[in-house]
N, C-alpha and C. Protein backbone atom coordinates (compact mmCIF):
# COMPACT_ATOMS: atom_id res chain seq x y z
N MET A 1 -65.06 11.46 -88.26
CA MET A 1 -64.41 11.13 -87.08
C MET A 1 -64.17 9.28 -87.66
N THR A 2 -62.81 9.14 -87.53
CA THR A 2 -62.85 7.86 -88.16
C THR A 2 -62.71 7.00 -86.81
N ARG A 3 -62.75 5.71 -87.27
CA ARG A 3 -62.80 4.41 -86.11
C ARG A 3 -61.57 3.84 -86.07
N PRO A 4 -61.06 3.63 -84.85
CA PRO A 4 -59.75 3.21 -84.85
C PRO A 4 -59.59 2.06 -85.64
N THR A 5 -58.36 1.69 -86.12
CA THR A 5 -58.30 0.55 -87.13
C THR A 5 -57.82 -0.52 -86.23
N CYS A 6 -57.91 -1.69 -87.01
CA CYS A 6 -57.92 -2.92 -86.09
C CYS A 6 -56.29 -3.31 -85.61
N SER A 7 -55.32 -2.75 -86.43
CA SER A 7 -54.09 -3.06 -86.02
C SER A 7 -53.79 -2.13 -84.85
N LEU A 8 -54.41 -0.84 -84.39
CA LEU A 8 -54.20 -0.06 -83.30
C LEU A 8 -54.81 -0.81 -82.27
N TRP A 9 -56.17 -1.25 -82.36
CA TRP A 9 -56.87 -2.02 -81.34
C TRP A 9 -56.18 -3.20 -80.87
N THR A 10 -55.31 -3.92 -81.86
CA THR A 10 -54.99 -5.38 -81.42
C THR A 10 -53.58 -4.76 -80.57
N ALA A 11 -52.93 -3.82 -80.89
CA ALA A 11 -51.72 -3.46 -80.34
C ALA A 11 -51.90 -3.00 -78.89
N TRP A 12 -52.95 -2.44 -78.92
CA TRP A 12 -53.40 -1.89 -77.40
C TRP A 12 -53.80 -3.14 -76.59
N ALA A 13 -54.78 -3.94 -77.14
CA ALA A 13 -55.01 -5.38 -76.45
C ALA A 13 -53.87 -6.26 -75.94
N SER A 14 -52.71 -6.23 -76.94
CA SER A 14 -51.49 -7.23 -76.50
C SER A 14 -50.95 -6.43 -75.69
N ARG A 15 -50.63 -5.12 -75.60
CA ARG A 15 -50.02 -4.37 -74.42
C ARG A 15 -50.94 -4.54 -73.08
N LEU A 16 -52.04 -4.60 -73.09
CA LEU A 16 -52.77 -4.77 -71.91
C LEU A 16 -52.68 -6.12 -71.24
N GLY A 17 -52.64 -7.10 -72.39
CA GLY A 17 -52.67 -8.39 -71.93
C GLY A 17 -51.23 -8.88 -71.24
N LEU A 18 -50.33 -8.23 -71.99
CA LEU A 18 -48.85 -8.49 -71.53
C LEU A 18 -48.59 -7.75 -69.93
N ALA A 19 -49.46 -6.77 -69.90
CA ALA A 19 -49.29 -5.88 -68.19
C ALA A 19 -49.85 -6.97 -67.67
N LEU A 20 -51.08 -7.32 -67.69
CA LEU A 20 -51.74 -8.26 -66.86
C LEU A 20 -50.93 -9.58 -66.37
N LEU A 21 -50.34 -10.26 -67.40
CA LEU A 21 -49.66 -11.57 -67.44
C LEU A 21 -48.45 -10.94 -66.47
N LEU A 22 -47.72 -9.96 -66.50
CA LEU A 22 -46.69 -9.66 -65.72
C LEU A 22 -47.04 -9.44 -64.48
N GLY A 23 -47.99 -8.52 -63.99
CA GLY A 23 -48.50 -8.39 -62.90
C GLY A 23 -49.02 -9.38 -62.26
N SER A 24 -49.56 -10.69 -62.65
CA SER A 24 -50.05 -12.04 -62.27
C SER A 24 -48.77 -12.55 -61.77
N ALA A 25 -47.81 -12.47 -62.48
CA ALA A 25 -46.54 -13.09 -62.47
C ALA A 25 -45.65 -12.84 -61.06
N LEU A 26 -45.71 -11.28 -61.25
CA LEU A 26 -45.12 -10.81 -59.94
C LEU A 26 -45.77 -11.03 -58.69
N ALA A 27 -46.91 -10.94 -58.86
CA ALA A 27 -47.77 -11.10 -57.57
C ALA A 27 -47.51 -12.76 -57.01
N GLY A 28 -47.56 -13.51 -58.04
CA GLY A 28 -47.25 -15.23 -57.57
C GLY A 28 -45.70 -15.18 -56.91
N CYS A 29 -44.90 -14.53 -57.61
CA CYS A 29 -43.41 -14.53 -57.14
C CYS A 29 -43.56 -14.09 -55.71
N GLY A 30 -44.12 -12.92 -55.63
CA GLY A 30 -43.89 -12.36 -54.38
C GLY A 30 -44.22 -13.09 -53.13
N GLN A 31 -45.32 -13.62 -53.58
CA GLN A 31 -46.14 -14.42 -52.35
C GLN A 31 -45.26 -15.58 -51.86
N SER A 32 -44.82 -16.12 -53.10
CA SER A 32 -43.87 -17.54 -52.72
C SER A 32 -42.84 -17.12 -52.11
N GLY A 33 -41.97 -15.77 -52.63
CA GLY A 33 -40.87 -15.66 -51.79
C GLY A 33 -41.17 -15.35 -50.29
N ARG A 34 -42.25 -14.77 -50.20
CA ARG A 34 -42.45 -14.27 -48.87
C ARG A 34 -42.62 -15.69 -47.81
N ASP A 35 -43.40 -16.72 -48.48
CA ASP A 35 -43.40 -17.71 -47.78
C ASP A 35 -42.32 -18.38 -47.47
N ASP A 36 -41.29 -18.42 -48.53
CA ASP A 36 -39.76 -19.07 -48.26
C ASP A 36 -39.32 -18.09 -47.20
N MET A 37 -39.47 -16.99 -47.21
CA MET A 37 -38.66 -16.15 -45.94
C MET A 37 -39.31 -16.37 -44.62
N GLN A 38 -40.62 -16.55 -44.62
CA GLN A 38 -41.52 -16.98 -43.32
C GLN A 38 -40.90 -18.09 -42.72
N ASP A 39 -40.63 -19.30 -43.82
CA ASP A 39 -40.28 -20.65 -43.44
C ASP A 39 -38.62 -20.55 -42.66
N TRP A 40 -37.79 -19.77 -43.36
CA TRP A 40 -36.61 -19.52 -43.05
C TRP A 40 -36.31 -18.85 -41.75
N MET A 41 -37.34 -17.95 -41.34
CA MET A 41 -37.24 -17.12 -40.14
C MET A 41 -37.90 -18.13 -38.92
N THR A 42 -38.77 -18.94 -39.16
CA THR A 42 -39.14 -19.95 -38.43
C THR A 42 -38.04 -21.01 -37.84
N GLN A 43 -37.23 -21.17 -39.02
CA GLN A 43 -36.23 -22.28 -38.64
C GLN A 43 -35.12 -21.75 -37.71
N GLN A 44 -34.90 -20.69 -38.12
CA GLN A 44 -33.78 -20.17 -37.45
C GLN A 44 -34.21 -19.79 -35.96
N ARG A 45 -35.42 -19.27 -35.36
CA ARG A 45 -35.94 -18.94 -34.18
C ARG A 45 -35.71 -20.57 -33.61
N ALA A 46 -36.36 -21.49 -34.22
CA ALA A 46 -36.36 -22.71 -33.55
C ALA A 46 -35.15 -23.24 -33.16
N GLY A 47 -34.07 -22.56 -33.94
CA GLY A 47 -32.69 -23.35 -33.67
C GLY A 47 -31.87 -22.57 -32.80
N LEU A 48 -32.39 -21.28 -32.66
CA LEU A 48 -31.49 -20.29 -31.46
C LEU A 48 -32.12 -20.39 -30.19
N ARG A 49 -31.37 -20.85 -29.19
CA ARG A 49 -31.87 -20.84 -28.09
C ARG A 49 -30.97 -20.18 -26.79
N PRO A 50 -31.55 -19.09 -26.31
CA PRO A 50 -30.52 -18.52 -25.45
C PRO A 50 -30.07 -19.48 -24.61
N ARG A 51 -28.72 -19.03 -24.31
CA ARG A 51 -27.94 -19.91 -23.01
C ARG A 51 -27.81 -19.04 -21.80
N ILE A 52 -28.71 -19.40 -20.65
CA ILE A 52 -28.56 -18.74 -19.40
C ILE A 52 -28.02 -19.36 -18.53
N GLU A 53 -26.84 -18.81 -18.20
CA GLU A 53 -26.02 -19.50 -16.86
C GLU A 53 -26.65 -19.16 -15.66
N ALA A 54 -26.42 -20.18 -14.71
CA ALA A 54 -27.21 -20.19 -13.55
C ALA A 54 -26.26 -19.10 -12.53
N ILE A 55 -26.90 -18.26 -11.78
CA ILE A 55 -26.50 -17.47 -11.12
C ILE A 55 -25.76 -18.09 -9.92
N ALA A 56 -24.70 -17.93 -9.38
CA ALA A 56 -24.00 -18.53 -7.93
C ALA A 56 -24.98 -18.34 -6.80
N GLU A 57 -24.97 -19.09 -5.93
CA GLU A 57 -25.86 -18.70 -4.64
C GLU A 57 -25.43 -17.71 -3.76
N PRO A 58 -26.18 -16.97 -3.21
CA PRO A 58 -25.21 -15.95 -2.51
C PRO A 58 -24.83 -16.45 -1.08
N THR A 59 -23.63 -15.75 -0.72
CA THR A 59 -23.15 -16.43 0.36
C THR A 59 -24.04 -15.96 1.52
N PRO A 60 -23.85 -16.89 2.70
CA PRO A 60 -24.84 -16.50 3.81
C PRO A 60 -24.14 -15.42 4.52
N PHE A 61 -25.06 -14.54 4.98
CA PHE A 61 -24.42 -13.39 5.99
C PHE A 61 -24.36 -14.02 7.23
N VAL A 62 -22.99 -13.66 7.96
CA VAL A 62 -22.63 -14.01 9.11
C VAL A 62 -22.59 -13.12 10.08
N PRO A 63 -23.41 -12.73 11.13
CA PRO A 63 -23.21 -11.53 11.74
C PRO A 63 -21.98 -11.48 12.67
N GLN A 64 -21.21 -10.18 13.16
CA GLN A 64 -19.88 -10.46 13.42
C GLN A 64 -20.37 -9.96 15.04
N ALA A 65 -19.45 -10.38 16.00
CA ALA A 65 -19.99 -9.57 17.49
C ALA A 65 -19.03 -8.52 17.51
N TYR A 66 -19.89 -7.43 18.14
CA TYR A 66 -19.03 -6.60 18.54
C TYR A 66 -18.31 -6.80 19.47
N LEU A 67 -16.83 -6.39 19.22
CA LEU A 67 -15.89 -6.70 20.67
C LEU A 67 -15.72 -5.41 21.39
N GLN A 68 -15.86 -4.15 20.80
CA GLN A 68 -15.58 -2.90 21.41
C GLN A 68 -16.28 -2.53 22.29
N ALA A 69 -17.15 -3.06 22.76
CA ALA A 69 -18.26 -2.44 23.69
C ALA A 69 -17.54 -2.56 25.19
N SER A 70 -16.49 -3.26 25.24
CA SER A 70 -15.91 -2.94 26.47
C SER A 70 -14.80 -2.05 26.64
N ALA A 71 -14.21 -1.45 25.61
CA ALA A 71 -13.24 -0.54 25.08
C ALA A 71 -13.69 0.75 25.54
N ILE A 72 -12.97 1.63 25.59
CA ILE A 72 -13.36 2.94 26.05
C ILE A 72 -13.88 3.74 25.02
N ASP A 73 -15.06 4.67 25.59
CA ASP A 73 -15.92 5.13 24.83
C ASP A 73 -14.82 6.44 24.13
N PRO A 74 -14.97 6.81 22.81
CA PRO A 74 -13.92 7.73 22.18
C PRO A 74 -14.43 8.94 22.69
N PHE A 75 -15.73 9.17 23.31
CA PHE A 75 -16.27 10.69 23.67
C PHE A 75 -16.06 10.74 25.20
N SER A 76 -15.67 9.60 25.84
CA SER A 76 -15.67 9.80 27.31
C SER A 76 -14.66 10.72 27.96
N GLN A 77 -14.73 11.28 29.19
CA GLN A 77 -13.50 11.73 29.90
C GLN A 77 -12.37 11.17 30.00
N GLN A 78 -12.49 9.84 30.18
CA GLN A 78 -11.47 8.92 30.37
C GLN A 78 -10.46 8.76 29.10
N LYS A 79 -10.91 9.16 28.16
CA LYS A 79 -10.27 9.05 26.92
C LYS A 79 -9.67 10.34 26.76
N LEU A 80 -10.42 11.39 26.93
CA LEU A 80 -9.96 12.93 26.96
C LEU A 80 -8.74 12.97 27.76
N ALA A 81 -8.88 12.19 28.92
CA ALA A 81 -7.72 12.60 30.03
C ALA A 81 -6.45 11.89 29.67
N SER A 82 -6.51 10.79 29.20
CA SER A 82 -5.50 10.08 28.73
C SER A 82 -4.77 10.82 27.47
N ALA A 83 -5.64 11.29 26.47
CA ALA A 83 -4.80 11.99 25.49
C ALA A 83 -4.06 13.15 25.89
N LEU A 84 -4.80 13.80 26.83
CA LEU A 84 -4.10 14.98 27.54
C LEU A 84 -2.66 14.80 28.16
N ARG A 85 -2.63 13.49 28.96
CA ARG A 85 -1.50 13.17 29.72
C ARG A 85 -0.45 12.63 28.76
N ARG A 86 -1.01 12.17 27.66
CA ARG A 86 0.08 11.73 26.49
C ARG A 86 0.41 13.13 25.93
N ASP A 87 -0.08 13.94 25.51
CA ASP A 87 0.39 15.18 25.17
C ASP A 87 1.08 15.89 25.58
N ALA A 88 0.91 15.79 27.09
CA ALA A 88 1.69 16.51 28.13
C ALA A 88 2.93 16.10 28.34
N THR A 89 3.51 14.47 28.18
CA THR A 89 4.52 13.97 28.24
C THR A 89 5.23 13.91 26.67
N VAL A 90 4.63 14.02 25.84
CA VAL A 90 5.45 14.47 24.56
C VAL A 90 5.90 16.02 24.31
N ALA A 91 5.22 16.89 25.05
CA ALA A 91 5.56 18.23 24.92
C ALA A 91 6.80 18.23 26.12
N ALA A 92 6.55 17.81 26.82
CA ALA A 92 7.66 17.63 27.78
C ALA A 92 9.09 17.05 27.28
N SER A 93 9.03 16.09 26.52
CA SER A 93 10.24 15.39 25.87
C SER A 93 10.79 16.21 24.76
N GLN A 94 9.71 16.90 24.15
CA GLN A 94 10.20 17.77 22.88
C GLN A 94 10.80 19.02 23.34
N SER A 95 10.41 19.65 24.55
CA SER A 95 10.95 20.60 25.17
C SER A 95 12.31 20.35 25.65
N THR A 96 12.49 19.61 26.17
CA THR A 96 13.85 18.90 26.71
C THR A 96 14.91 19.02 25.73
N LEU A 97 14.08 18.38 24.38
CA LEU A 97 15.34 17.81 23.50
C LEU A 97 15.53 19.32 22.47
N LEU A 98 14.35 20.02 22.03
CA LEU A 98 14.27 20.94 21.02
C LEU A 98 14.71 22.37 21.92
N ALA A 99 14.71 22.38 23.04
CA ALA A 99 14.65 24.04 23.60
C ALA A 99 15.81 24.57 23.72
N PRO A 100 16.96 23.80 23.93
CA PRO A 100 18.38 23.98 23.75
C PRO A 100 18.59 24.64 22.37
N GLU A 101 18.23 23.66 21.42
CA GLU A 101 18.47 24.13 20.21
C GLU A 101 17.91 25.48 19.70
N LEU A 102 16.83 25.76 20.16
CA LEU A 102 16.02 26.90 19.96
C LEU A 102 16.61 28.40 20.58
N LYS A 103 17.36 28.01 21.53
CA LYS A 103 18.01 29.28 22.25
C LYS A 103 19.15 29.45 21.85
N ARG A 104 20.06 29.05 21.30
CA ARG A 104 21.34 29.16 20.82
C ARG A 104 21.45 29.93 19.70
N ARG A 105 22.61 30.47 19.13
CA ARG A 105 22.66 31.19 18.00
C ARG A 105 23.17 30.16 16.63
N LYS A 106 22.53 30.60 15.40
CA LYS A 106 22.63 29.58 14.57
C LYS A 106 24.02 29.84 13.84
N GLU A 107 24.86 28.70 13.57
CA GLU A 107 26.13 29.02 12.89
C GLU A 107 25.85 28.83 11.27
N ALA A 108 26.85 29.19 10.74
CA ALA A 108 26.67 29.78 9.13
C ALA A 108 26.55 28.33 8.28
N LEU A 109 26.99 26.92 8.75
CA LEU A 109 26.65 26.00 8.16
C LEU A 109 25.06 25.24 8.29
N GLU A 110 24.38 26.05 8.96
CA GLU A 110 22.91 25.55 9.35
C GLU A 110 22.00 25.99 8.34
N SER A 111 22.66 26.97 7.51
CA SER A 111 21.69 27.50 6.69
C SER A 111 21.59 26.88 5.38
N TYR A 112 22.31 25.52 5.27
CA TYR A 112 22.61 24.86 4.07
C TYR A 112 22.01 23.53 4.49
N PRO A 113 21.24 22.72 3.55
CA PRO A 113 20.58 21.34 3.85
C PRO A 113 22.01 20.48 3.54
N LEU A 114 21.90 19.39 4.46
CA LEU A 114 23.12 18.54 4.73
C LEU A 114 23.52 17.78 3.32
N ASP A 115 22.41 17.44 2.34
CA ASP A 115 22.70 16.97 0.94
C ASP A 115 23.29 18.01 0.22
N ALA A 116 23.67 19.30 0.34
CA ALA A 116 24.43 20.30 -0.60
C ALA A 116 25.45 20.51 0.22
N MET A 117 26.18 19.38 1.20
CA MET A 117 27.35 19.77 1.54
C MET A 117 28.09 18.52 1.12
N ALA A 118 29.53 18.89 0.95
CA ALA A 118 30.26 17.71 0.54
C ALA A 118 31.60 17.79 1.52
N MET A 119 32.10 16.88 2.11
CA MET A 119 33.28 16.37 2.87
C MET A 119 34.35 16.11 2.03
N VAL A 120 35.47 17.22 1.84
CA VAL A 120 36.34 16.95 0.76
C VAL A 120 37.75 16.69 1.39
N GLY A 121 37.75 16.75 2.83
CA GLY A 121 39.05 16.16 3.43
C GLY A 121 38.99 16.36 5.15
N SER A 122 40.01 16.21 5.91
CA SER A 122 39.98 16.38 7.31
C SER A 122 41.36 16.42 7.36
N LEU A 123 41.77 17.01 8.73
CA LEU A 123 42.82 17.51 9.24
C LEU A 123 42.89 17.22 10.77
N LEU A 124 44.31 17.32 11.39
CA LEU A 124 44.52 17.65 12.65
C LEU A 124 45.04 18.99 12.84
N LYS A 125 44.20 19.98 13.83
CA LYS A 125 44.66 20.98 14.19
C LYS A 125 44.69 21.08 15.33
N GLN A 126 46.22 21.44 16.20
CA GLN A 126 46.45 21.70 17.51
C GLN A 126 45.86 20.03 18.19
N GLY A 127 46.16 19.10 17.67
CA GLY A 127 45.53 17.85 17.91
C GLY A 127 44.12 17.50 18.01
N ARG A 128 43.50 18.53 17.58
CA ARG A 128 41.93 18.17 17.18
C ARG A 128 41.78 17.94 15.78
N PRO A 129 40.72 16.91 15.45
CA PRO A 129 40.15 16.56 14.40
C PRO A 129 39.32 17.88 13.66
N ILE A 130 39.61 18.33 12.41
CA ILE A 130 38.67 18.89 11.90
C ILE A 130 38.36 18.76 10.27
N ALA A 131 37.29 18.69 9.96
CA ALA A 131 36.70 18.35 8.92
C ALA A 131 36.67 19.52 7.73
N LEU A 132 36.89 19.46 6.47
CA LEU A 132 36.95 20.43 5.66
C LEU A 132 35.70 20.29 4.71
N ILE A 133 34.58 21.00 4.87
CA ILE A 133 33.51 21.06 4.02
C ILE A 133 33.35 21.96 3.30
N LYS A 134 32.94 21.69 1.74
CA LYS A 134 32.72 22.49 0.97
C LYS A 134 30.85 22.66 0.37
N VAL A 135 30.62 23.81 0.55
CA VAL A 135 29.15 24.23 0.19
C VAL A 135 29.65 25.72 -0.84
N ASP A 136 28.77 25.58 -2.06
CA ASP A 136 28.34 26.74 -2.91
C ASP A 136 30.02 27.29 -3.27
N ASN A 137 30.75 26.28 -3.23
CA ASN A 137 32.45 26.69 -3.79
C ASN A 137 33.56 27.43 -2.78
N GLN A 138 32.50 27.06 -1.45
CA GLN A 138 33.55 27.92 -0.66
C GLN A 138 33.89 26.69 0.27
N LEU A 139 34.99 26.76 1.26
CA LEU A 139 35.51 25.69 2.02
C LEU A 139 35.46 26.05 3.33
N TYR A 140 34.74 25.22 4.23
CA TYR A 140 34.47 25.61 5.80
C TYR A 140 35.12 24.54 6.53
N GLN A 141 35.95 24.94 7.78
CA GLN A 141 36.03 24.10 8.68
C GLN A 141 35.14 23.74 9.77
N ALA A 142 35.19 22.60 10.12
CA ALA A 142 34.09 22.20 11.27
C ALA A 142 34.79 21.35 12.36
N SER A 143 34.48 21.48 13.24
CA SER A 143 34.89 20.28 14.56
C SER A 143 33.99 20.02 15.28
N VAL A 144 34.23 19.02 16.27
CA VAL A 144 33.46 18.20 16.75
C VAL A 144 32.67 19.32 17.88
N GLY A 145 31.23 19.33 17.74
CA GLY A 145 30.27 20.32 18.75
C GLY A 145 29.83 21.37 17.87
N GLN A 146 30.36 21.71 16.48
CA GLN A 146 29.77 22.69 15.88
C GLN A 146 28.49 21.94 14.92
N TYR A 147 27.66 22.81 14.41
CA TYR A 147 26.40 22.25 13.78
C TYR A 147 26.53 22.40 12.29
N LEU A 148 25.55 21.35 11.48
CA LEU A 148 25.65 21.40 10.12
C LEU A 148 24.12 21.09 9.78
N GLY A 149 23.76 21.53 8.54
CA GLY A 149 22.47 21.22 8.07
C GLY A 149 21.47 21.73 8.79
N GLN A 150 20.23 21.92 8.25
CA GLN A 150 19.17 22.51 8.58
C GLN A 150 18.02 21.62 9.72
N ASN A 151 18.71 20.56 10.01
CA ASN A 151 17.95 19.72 11.13
C ASN A 151 18.45 19.47 12.51
N TYR A 152 19.19 20.56 12.73
CA TYR A 152 19.99 20.78 14.05
C TYR A 152 21.02 19.65 14.28
N GLY A 153 21.79 19.72 12.97
CA GLY A 153 22.53 18.28 13.10
C GLY A 153 23.88 18.94 13.82
N ARG A 154 24.26 18.07 14.85
CA ARG A 154 25.50 18.42 15.96
C ARG A 154 26.51 17.40 15.33
N ILE A 155 27.93 17.90 14.95
CA ILE A 155 28.90 16.93 14.71
C ILE A 155 29.34 16.18 16.06
N LEU A 156 29.43 14.77 16.01
CA LEU A 156 29.75 14.22 17.29
C LEU A 156 31.08 13.36 16.84
N ARG A 157 31.48 13.04 15.88
CA ARG A 157 32.87 12.66 15.62
C ARG A 157 33.26 12.96 14.00
N ILE A 158 34.73 13.02 13.86
CA ILE A 158 35.28 13.42 12.73
C ILE A 158 36.30 12.26 12.55
N GLY A 159 35.98 11.59 11.51
CA GLY A 159 36.94 10.37 11.00
C GLY A 159 37.67 11.08 9.75
N GLU A 160 38.58 9.97 9.25
CA GLU A 160 39.48 10.34 8.12
C GLU A 160 38.61 10.62 6.84
N THR A 161 37.42 9.59 6.90
CA THR A 161 36.58 9.29 5.53
C THR A 161 35.34 9.75 5.86
N GLU A 162 34.64 10.26 7.32
CA GLU A 162 33.21 10.56 7.31
C GLU A 162 33.29 11.52 8.54
N VAL A 163 31.99 12.10 8.55
CA VAL A 163 31.52 13.40 9.61
C VAL A 163 30.42 12.73 10.39
N GLN A 164 30.42 12.18 11.56
CA GLN A 164 29.24 11.63 12.01
C GLN A 164 28.24 12.62 13.01
N LEU A 165 27.04 12.89 12.56
CA LEU A 165 26.59 13.78 13.49
C LEU A 165 24.90 13.22 14.04
N ARG A 166 24.76 14.06 14.87
CA ARG A 166 23.03 13.74 15.49
C ARG A 166 22.32 14.78 14.92
N GLU A 167 21.03 14.30 14.60
CA GLU A 167 20.34 15.41 13.88
C GLU A 167 18.72 15.42 14.69
N ILE A 168 17.94 16.48 14.92
CA ILE A 168 16.66 16.26 15.73
C ILE A 168 15.54 16.46 14.38
N VAL A 169 14.95 15.35 14.20
CA VAL A 169 13.88 15.63 13.21
C VAL A 169 12.45 15.20 13.61
N ARG A 170 11.41 15.37 12.97
CA ARG A 170 10.00 14.98 13.33
C ARG A 170 9.87 13.61 12.81
N ASP A 171 9.38 12.63 13.78
CA ASP A 171 9.00 11.35 13.29
C ASP A 171 7.63 11.35 12.57
N PRO A 172 7.22 10.29 12.12
CA PRO A 172 5.78 10.43 11.38
C PRO A 172 4.62 10.48 12.25
N ALA A 173 4.85 10.25 13.73
CA ALA A 173 3.86 10.64 14.57
C ALA A 173 3.73 12.01 15.29
N GLY A 174 4.85 12.83 14.70
CA GLY A 174 4.86 14.24 14.91
C GLY A 174 5.86 14.77 15.81
N ASN A 175 6.60 13.53 16.49
CA ASN A 175 7.63 14.02 17.61
C ASN A 175 8.64 14.20 17.12
N TRP A 176 9.31 14.85 18.08
CA TRP A 176 10.81 15.42 17.70
C TRP A 176 11.65 14.24 18.24
N VAL A 177 12.61 13.62 17.40
CA VAL A 177 13.48 12.55 17.83
C VAL A 177 15.01 12.78 17.19
N GLU A 178 15.66 12.12 17.94
CA GLU A 178 17.18 12.21 17.46
C GLU A 178 17.37 10.98 16.26
N ARG A 179 18.12 11.41 15.21
CA ARG A 179 18.54 10.55 14.40
C ARG A 179 19.99 10.79 13.80
N PRO A 180 20.64 9.46 13.87
CA PRO A 180 22.05 9.63 13.39
C PRO A 180 22.39 10.01 12.11
N ALA A 181 23.21 10.87 11.46
CA ALA A 181 23.48 11.07 10.17
C ALA A 181 24.96 11.09 10.08
N THR A 182 25.35 10.68 8.36
CA THR A 182 26.82 11.07 8.37
C THR A 182 27.15 11.57 6.98
N LEU A 183 28.29 12.34 6.69
CA LEU A 183 28.50 13.10 5.71
C LEU A 183 29.88 12.42 5.21
N GLN A 184 29.81 11.57 4.07
CA GLN A 184 30.89 11.06 3.42
C GLN A 184 32.12 11.77 2.82
N LEU A 185 33.26 11.60 2.85
CA LEU A 185 34.18 12.06 2.08
C LEU A 185 33.91 12.01 0.55
N GLN A 186 33.87 13.12 -0.14
CA GLN A 186 33.66 13.00 -1.56
C GLN A 186 35.02 13.14 -2.35
N GLU A 187 35.39 12.05 -3.06
CA GLU A 187 36.59 12.26 -4.00
C GLU A 187 36.62 12.87 -5.21
N ARG A 188 37.63 13.78 -5.53
CA ARG A 188 37.30 14.33 -6.88
C ARG A 188 37.29 13.80 -7.97
N ALA A 189 36.58 13.83 -9.06
CA ALA A 189 36.54 13.06 -10.36
C ALA A 189 37.65 13.47 -11.24
N LYS A 190 38.54 12.74 -11.77
CA LYS A 190 39.78 13.20 -12.55
C LYS A 190 39.16 13.37 -14.02
């Protein structure tokens, strides 16, 4: 067995010394960098203050007086009786307005809506005004008293440029009411 040579021993010792020197240098750098970081974090926390806006005061509750105590109870017999009387008068008015329309025979021009018709002219036939109505490329003659459209529209007057009629329709409350309507003369486009 041979003893290690001096040169080998010195190389090994120098490497070990270098490693110890680097380790202590790194340990020193790590601690000082950490202290710097801690100082910076402390400064940032001290400079950062949250802004809290004040909450508005709640509005005071003002109780309202109940004014319907003297009104009719919605479940009372009096309320029911007044509703039944109102419905009976509406039904009676509807029957007088709509009943004659339901009993008569429908005419040919009542199967088309009013907006599908066009007045294309008028003429006098035996002294009576006649309107010329075009529907689905067919020409019809209509006189005062005849019916047009799907809303029980009865012709009241025929002029040179329009047909005036009365329709029976439902209003927003569901009641049958009379409504005026007109059918204007349509000029041909050239």
